[in-house]
Amino acid sequence: MATVVRFPTERVLPHFPEAIRTFLQLSVACVSIHYLLWFWVAVAFLYYLYAIGYGYVSAAVIALYLPSYLNGAHRKLTPATGGMQWDGLRTHWLWKLMCEYVGLEIVREQELDAAKQYIFGFHPHGILVLSRMSCYAGNWEQVHPGIEVRALGATPMFYVPLGRELCLWLGAVDASRSTAQKVLDKKLSIVVYPGGSKEIFLTNPNIKQTELVLKKRLGFIKLAIKNGADLVPTFVFGEKWMYNLWNPPKGLRATVLQVLKVPLLLFWGRWCTWVPLRLAGKRRMGIVYGTPIAVEQKDDPTDDDCLAYHATYAAALQRIFDAYKTDFGYDDDETLVIS
């Protein structure tokens, strides 16, 4: 019988003065959450070197970096095969400061069999995917012992210099179908965000509705059936409140997303930065791993097979939302829409 277990964030450095702990939390949050901007800091520094007459140093740095940038590590699954996974960094206790800052609590409805493979579908996507904290600081190893996982990330993310390195070190790989299949062939499990970038635009902290992009997302279901990987519906609560958001006109958003494969939106947290807002009152961030859905392996699943599992999966997400929403500060009348 399934037993629900809750994993609150461990309080680290408890003997430090609270002011110092707060400073450390903010420092870790600020540096890590702005990883996609590290590139521009590096560009400014290299240009400064060039401007003061040390252009050869800038050229040497770029030449030394290029082989790493072009190594295709986002499609490689282990360090032994050219991947850049760095478990020491991913599991480091410093990430607990970030988890404590966002007030993360993880709920697991059933302990998983480490002998099996799983596809964990996380919903909703969120603006900056803060739910990935569940894979850091030893959280994953505590909640899912014995299950090694790779998180699938949008391809453009792996072409942002310096930011890509952090993604790779923390276990992300390219979200292409071929890479996902290689992960499962390697007998690893997968974290996937089926709603993708389109779901980011549906994030709205000011309405009592959470909308998921899921109805036409059958690819991860088919992947699960072809590989006999059980599905784990996973719901992310509270992340929608961590940023203020302004959406550009829909036509402009759609064009940029289609051409550049990245979302165009304006969002901000504390001090007009990407540092998340701190949740107050009953509002908290939570990640609930639902009861796994057993999947029967089929080499060539039909559309009906995929739709049947999809319906079961969507119903499980609805159940999780209804069962836990008030635990994380949602009102009783808040609703979930699956579109």
Protein backbone atom coordinates (compact mmCIF):
# COMPACT_ATOMS: atom_id res chain seq x y z
CA MET A 1 0.00 0.00 0.00
CA ALA A 2 1.30 3.46 -0.90
CA THR A 3 2.51 5.61 1.99
CA VAL A 4 2.72 9.36 1.55
CA VAL A 5 6.03 10.79 2.79
CA ARG A 6 6.85 14.49 3.11
CA PHE A 7 10.37 15.85 2.75
CA PRO A 8 10.67 19.40 4.09
CA THR A 9 13.82 21.34 3.25
CA GLU A 10 16.59 20.78 5.76
CA ARG A 11 17.71 23.90 7.61
CA VAL A 12 21.44 24.33 6.94
CA LEU A 13 24.00 26.29 8.95
CA PRO A 14 21.55 26.55 11.88
CA HIS A 15 24.15 28.04 14.22
CA PHE A 16 24.87 30.98 11.93
CA PRO A 17 23.17 34.32 12.68
CA GLU A 18 19.96 34.64 10.69
CA ALA A 19 21.24 37.72 8.86
CA ILE A 20 24.22 35.75 7.53
CA ARG A 21 22.02 32.81 6.55
CA THR A 22 19.70 35.15 4.67
CA PHE A 23 22.66 36.75 2.89
CA LEU A 24 23.98 33.33 1.86
CA GLN A 25 20.55 32.25 0.61
CA LEU A 26 20.22 35.40 -1.48
CA SER A 27 23.77 35.02 -2.81
CA VAL A 28 23.22 31.44 -3.97
CA ALA A 29 19.84 32.37 -5.43
CA CYS A 30 21.19 35.42 -7.26
CA VAL A 31 24.23 33.72 -8.79
CA SER A 32 22.48 30.50 -9.80
CA ILE A 33 19.19 31.93 -11.04
CA HIS A 34 20.92 34.38 -13.40
CA TYR A 35 22.98 31.66 -15.09
CA LEU A 36 21.67 32.57 -18.54
CA LEU A 37 23.18 36.05 -18.09
CA TRP A 38 26.69 34.91 -17.19
CA PHE A 39 27.57 35.07 -20.88
CA TRP A 40 27.04 38.84 -21.01
CA VAL A 41 29.25 39.38 -17.97
CA ALA A 42 31.97 37.37 -19.71
CA VAL A 43 31.53 39.35 -22.94
CA ALA A 44 31.89 42.63 -21.04
CA PHE A 45 35.05 41.38 -19.33
CA LEU A 46 36.62 40.15 -22.56
CA TYR A 47 35.80 43.41 -24.27
CA TYR A 48 37.39 45.31 -21.39
CA LEU A 49 40.58 43.29 -21.83
CA TYR A 50 40.52 44.07 -25.53
CA ALA A 51 39.94 47.78 -24.88
CA ILE A 52 42.95 48.08 -22.57
CA GLY A 53 45.27 46.35 -25.00
CA TYR A 54 44.98 42.72 -23.94
CA GLY A 55 42.97 41.52 -26.90
CA TYR A 56 45.27 38.53 -27.28
CA VAL A 57 44.15 37.35 -23.83
CA SER A 58 40.50 37.57 -24.91
CA ALA A 59 41.31 35.65 -28.09
CA ALA A 60 43.17 32.97 -26.13
CA VAL A 61 40.28 32.54 -23.68
CA ILE A 62 37.79 32.15 -26.54
CA ALA A 63 40.07 29.68 -28.33
CA LEU A 64 40.42 27.59 -25.18
CA TYR A 65 36.67 27.62 -24.56
CA LEU A 66 35.46 26.75 -28.07
CA PRO A 67 36.32 23.01 -27.98
CA SER A 68 34.21 22.62 -24.85
CA TYR A 69 31.38 24.66 -26.35
CA LEU A 70 31.33 22.56 -29.50
CA ASN A 71 31.73 19.14 -27.88
CA GLY A 72 28.06 18.14 -28.12
CA ALA A 73 27.95 17.28 -24.41
CA HIS A 74 24.21 18.02 -24.28
CA ARG A 75 23.63 14.76 -26.17
CA LYS A 76 26.03 12.67 -24.07
CA LEU A 77 24.74 10.90 -21.01
CA THR A 78 27.73 10.20 -18.79
CA PRO A 79 31.22 11.65 -18.23
CA ALA A 80 32.63 8.38 -19.59
CA THR A 81 30.99 9.07 -22.96
CA GLY A 82 31.83 12.79 -23.09
CA GLY A 83 29.04 14.15 -20.92
CA MET A 84 29.67 16.87 -18.36
CA GLN A 85 27.52 15.65 -15.45
CA TRP A 86 29.01 16.72 -12.11
CA ASP A 87 27.24 14.93 -9.29
CA GLY A 88 29.41 16.60 -6.65
CA LEU A 89 28.02 19.99 -7.64
CA ARG A 90 24.45 18.80 -8.16
CA THR A 91 24.24 17.21 -4.71
CA HIS A 92 26.21 19.90 -2.86
CA TRP A 93 24.63 21.21 0.35
CA LEU A 94 24.84 24.81 -0.91
CA TRP A 95 21.73 24.12 -2.99
CA LYS A 96 19.86 23.57 0.27
CA LEU A 97 20.19 27.32 0.83
CA MET A 98 18.27 27.85 -2.41
CA CYS A 99 15.68 25.23 -1.44
CA GLU A 100 15.27 26.89 1.94
CA TYR A 101 14.92 30.29 0.30
CA VAL A 102 11.98 29.13 -1.85
CA GLY A 103 10.54 27.06 1.02
CA LEU A 104 10.51 23.84 -0.97
CA GLU A 105 8.65 20.81 0.36
CA ILE A 106 8.63 17.53 -1.57
CA VAL A 107 5.84 14.98 -1.24
CA ARG A 108 6.18 11.39 -2.46
CA GLU A 109 3.02 9.32 -2.62
CA GLN A 110 4.79 6.00 -3.15
CA GLU A 111 8.35 4.77 -2.92
CA LEU A 112 9.57 3.73 -6.34
CA ASP A 113 11.20 0.45 -7.33
CA ALA A 114 14.81 1.26 -8.21
CA ALA A 115 14.87 -1.72 -10.59
CA LYS A 116 12.40 0.01 -12.91
CA GLN A 117 12.67 2.99 -15.25
CA TYR A 118 10.44 6.02 -15.04
CA ILE A 119 9.41 9.10 -16.96
CA PHE A 120 8.65 11.89 -14.50
CA GLY A 121 6.36 14.49 -16.06
CA PHE A 122 6.61 17.84 -14.25
CA HIS A 123 3.65 20.27 -14.49
CA PRO A 124 3.40 23.20 -14.86
CA HIS A 125 6.67 24.31 -16.48
CA GLY A 126 7.05 27.61 -14.62
CA ILE A 127 9.01 30.61 -15.82
CA LEU A 128 12.51 29.58 -14.70
CA VAL A 129 11.82 25.93 -13.84
CA LEU A 130 12.52 26.35 -10.12
CA SER A 131 11.19 22.82 -9.65
CA ARG A 132 14.61 21.54 -10.74
CA MET A 133 15.65 22.20 -7.13
CA SER A 134 14.05 18.83 -6.41
CA CYS A 135 16.97 17.21 -8.26
CA TYR A 136 19.69 19.11 -6.37
CA ALA A 137 21.16 19.16 -2.85
CA GLY A 138 20.72 15.41 -2.48
CA ASN A 139 16.93 15.79 -2.67
CA TRP A 140 16.62 13.36 -5.55
CA GLU A 141 18.74 10.70 -3.85
CA GLN A 142 16.72 11.04 -0.65
CA VAL A 143 13.32 10.87 -2.32
CA HIS A 144 14.13 8.34 -5.08
CA PRO A 145 17.11 6.28 -3.88
CA GLY A 146 18.76 4.14 -6.52
CA ILE A 147 17.08 5.87 -9.49
CA GLU A 148 19.47 7.76 -11.76
CA VAL A 149 17.83 10.42 -13.86
CA ARG A 150 18.51 12.92 -16.64
CA ALA A 151 16.42 16.07 -17.04
CA LEU A 152 15.46 16.99 -20.60
CA GLY A 153 16.09 20.65 -21.43
CA ALA A 154 15.17 22.83 -24.41
CA THR A 155 17.86 22.72 -27.10
CA PRO A 156 18.50 26.53 -27.24
CA MET A 157 19.52 26.46 -23.59
CA PHE A 158 22.61 24.47 -24.52
CA TYR A 159 23.84 27.15 -26.91
CA VAL A 160 24.12 29.92 -24.31
CA PRO A 161 27.83 30.06 -23.40
CA LEU A 162 28.61 29.50 -19.71
CA GLY A 163 24.94 29.01 -18.85
CA ARG A 164 25.03 25.74 -20.78
CA GLU A 165 27.85 24.51 -18.57
CA LEU A 166 25.76 24.85 -15.43
CA CYS A 167 22.89 22.98 -17.08
CA LEU A 168 25.23 20.19 -18.14
CA TRP A 169 26.96 19.93 -14.76
CA LEU A 170 23.56 19.60 -13.10
CA GLY A 171 22.49 16.66 -15.24
CA ALA A 172 20.43 18.20 -18.05
CA VAL A 173 20.54 16.82 -21.59
CA ASP A 174 18.94 17.80 -24.87
CA ALA A 175 15.19 17.27 -25.08
CA SER A 176 15.27 15.75 -28.56
CA ARG A 177 13.52 12.43 -29.07
CA SER A 178 16.77 10.71 -30.00
CA THR A 179 18.53 11.84 -26.82
CA ALA A 180 15.55 10.83 -24.68
CA GLN A 181 15.66 7.38 -26.25
CA LYS A 182 19.39 7.12 -25.55
CA VAL A 183 18.72 7.93 -21.88
CA LEU A 184 16.25 5.07 -21.63
CA ASP A 185 18.53 2.73 -23.60
CA LYS A 186 21.15 3.46 -20.93
CA LYS A 187 18.64 2.20 -18.30
CA LEU A 188 18.29 5.66 -16.78
CA SER A 189 15.08 7.55 -16.03
CA ILE A 190 13.88 10.89 -17.38
CA VAL A 191 12.47 14.16 -16.07
CA VAL A 192 10.45 15.94 -18.76
CA TYR A 193 8.34 19.10 -18.89
CA PRO A 194 5.59 18.22 -21.39
CA GLY A 195 4.10 21.74 -21.40
CA GLY A 196 7.36 23.19 -22.70
CA SER A 197 7.88 26.86 -23.47
CA LYS A 198 4.23 27.40 -24.42
CA GLU A 199 3.22 26.73 -20.83
CA ILE A 200 5.40 29.60 -19.60
CA PHE A 201 2.98 32.10 -21.14
CA LEU A 202 0.10 30.60 -19.20
CA THR A 203 1.78 31.36 -15.88
CA ASN A 204 -0.40 33.92 -14.12
CA PRO A 205 0.01 34.65 -10.41
CA ASN A 206 -3.11 36.81 -10.31
CA ILE A 207 -5.84 34.33 -11.24
CA LYS A 208 -7.29 31.30 -9.50
CA GLN A 209 -6.57 28.97 -12.37
CA THR A 210 -3.59 26.85 -13.33
CA GLU A 211 -3.50 25.87 -16.99
CA LEU A 212 -1.42 23.01 -18.39
CA VAL A 213 -0.49 22.40 -22.03
CA LEU A 214 -1.04 18.65 -22.20
CA LYS A 215 -3.94 17.49 -24.39
CA LYS A 216 -1.83 17.12 -27.53
CA ARG A 217 1.37 16.12 -25.75
CA LEU A 218 1.54 12.42 -26.55
CA GLY A 219 5.24 12.06 -27.35
CA PHE A 220 6.36 11.30 -23.80
CA ILE A 221 3.49 8.83 -23.42
CA LYS A 222 4.52 6.98 -26.56
CA LEU A 223 8.14 6.98 -25.38
CA ALA A 224 7.05 5.43 -22.09
CA ILE A 225 5.07 2.67 -23.82
CA LYS A 226 7.85 1.80 -26.29
CA ASN A 227 10.30 1.43 -23.42
CA GLY A 228 8.01 0.05 -20.72
CA ALA A 229 8.88 2.99 -18.45
CA ASP A 230 6.30 3.77 -15.77
CA LEU A 231 4.86 7.29 -15.74
CA VAL A 232 5.12 9.44 -12.62
CA PRO A 233 2.74 12.44 -12.71
CA THR A 234 4.42 15.26 -10.80
CA PHE A 235 2.77 18.54 -9.86
CA VAL A 236 4.62 21.75 -9.00
CA PHE A 237 2.77 24.03 -6.60
CA GLY A 238 3.52 27.64 -5.78
CA GLU A 239 6.06 28.54 -8.46
CA LYS A 240 3.56 30.77 -10.26
CA TRP A 241 3.67 33.26 -7.38
CA MET A 242 7.43 33.75 -7.44
CA TYR A 243 7.57 36.24 -10.30
CA ASN A 244 5.66 39.22 -11.60
CA LEU A 245 4.91 38.81 -15.27
CA TRP A 246 4.04 40.86 -18.34
CA ASN A 247 3.18 39.02 -21.53
CA PRO A 248 3.89 40.75 -24.89
CA PRO A 249 1.15 40.63 -27.57
CA LYS A 250 0.27 37.07 -28.55
CA GLY A 251 1.30 37.46 -32.21
CA LEU A 252 4.76 38.72 -31.30
CA ARG A 253 5.19 35.95 -28.73
CA ALA A 254 4.20 33.27 -31.23
CA THR A 255 6.58 34.59 -33.90
CA VAL A 256 9.58 34.75 -31.58
CA LEU A 257 8.83 31.30 -30.17
CA GLN A 258 8.52 29.81 -33.67
CA VAL A 259 11.66 31.46 -35.07
CA LEU A 260 14.03 31.46 -32.08
CA LYS A 261 12.51 28.56 -30.11
CA VAL A 262 12.67 30.67 -26.94
CA PRO A 263 9.83 32.45 -25.12
CA LEU A 264 9.58 36.25 -25.17
CA LEU A 265 8.20 37.68 -21.95
CA LEU A 266 9.06 40.18 -19.28
CA PHE A 267 9.23 38.94 -15.71
CA TRP A 268 10.86 40.07 -12.51
CA GLY A 269 11.21 39.02 -8.91
CA ARG A 270 12.85 40.84 -6.01
CA TRP A 271 14.52 44.18 -6.78
CA CYS A 272 13.51 43.81 -10.46
CA THR A 273 15.91 40.87 -10.82
CA TRP A 274 15.32 37.16 -11.40
CA VAL A 275 15.68 36.40 -7.69
CA PRO A 276 12.33 34.78 -6.79
CA LEU A 277 9.85 36.55 -4.57
CA ARG A 278 9.55 35.01 -1.11
CA LEU A 279 6.18 33.45 -0.48
CA ALA A 280 4.24 34.65 2.54
CA GLY A 281 1.37 33.36 4.62
CA LYS A 282 0.10 29.91 3.66
CA ARG A 283 1.68 30.01 0.22
CA ARG A 284 4.56 27.59 -0.22
CA MET A 285 6.39 25.83 -3.01
CA GLY A 286 5.75 22.11 -3.22
CA ILE A 287 6.49 19.25 -5.57
CA VAL A 288 4.23 16.21 -5.37
CA TYR A 289 5.33 12.94 -6.98
CA GLY A 290 2.12 11.04 -7.63
CA THR A 291 1.61 7.30 -7.56
CA PRO A 292 3.37 5.77 -10.60
CA ILE A 293 1.27 4.57 -13.52
CA ALA A 294 2.35 1.10 -14.62
CA VAL A 295 3.03 0.97 -18.37
CA GLU A 296 3.02 -2.19 -20.47
CA GLN A 297 5.82 -2.25 -23.03
CA LYS A 298 4.84 -2.30 -26.71
CA ASP A 299 7.22 -1.86 -29.62
CA ASP A 300 4.61 -0.16 -31.79
CA PRO A 301 1.94 1.49 -29.63
CA THR A 302 -1.25 2.60 -31.36
CA ASP A 303 -2.89 5.99 -30.98
CA ASP A 304 -5.53 4.34 -28.81
CA ASP A 305 -2.82 2.96 -26.52
CA CYS A 306 -1.31 6.43 -26.11
CA LEU A 307 -4.66 8.10 -25.56
CA ALA A 308 -5.65 5.58 -22.89
CA TYR A 309 -2.49 6.15 -20.86
CA HIS A 310 -2.77 9.89 -21.47
CA ALA A 311 -6.28 9.95 -20.01
CA THR A 312 -5.11 8.05 -16.93
CA TYR A 313 -2.16 10.42 -16.57
CA ALA A 314 -4.28 13.58 -16.89
CA ALA A 315 -6.76 12.23 -14.33
CA ALA A 316 -3.88 11.59 -11.93
CA LEU A 317 -2.69 15.19 -12.27
CA GLN A 318 -6.20 16.44 -11.55
CA ARG A 319 -6.40 14.25 -8.46
CA ILE A 320 -3.02 15.47 -7.19
CA PHE A 321 -4.00 19.11 -7.70
CA ASP A 322 -7.30 18.68 -5.88
CA ALA A 323 -5.77 16.69 -3.03
CA TYR A 324 -2.81 18.96 -2.23
CA LYS A 325 -3.65 22.48 -3.43
CA THR A 326 -4.74 23.79 -0.02
CA ASP A 327 -1.56 22.37 1.57
CA PHE A 328 0.44 24.89 -0.45
CA GLY A 329 -1.77 27.94 -0.06
CA TYR A 330 -4.17 27.59 -2.98
CA ASP A 331 -7.79 28.47 -2.25
CA ASP A 332 -10.49 25.80 -2.31
CA ASP A 333 -12.03 27.30 -5.44
CA GLU A 334 -8.80 27.31 -7.48
CA THR A 335 -9.07 25.16 -10.59
CA LEU A 336 -6.86 23.18 -12.95
CA VAL A 337 -7.40 23.43 -16.71
CA ILE A 338 -5.78 20.91 -19.05
CA SER A 339 -5.63 22.32 -22.57
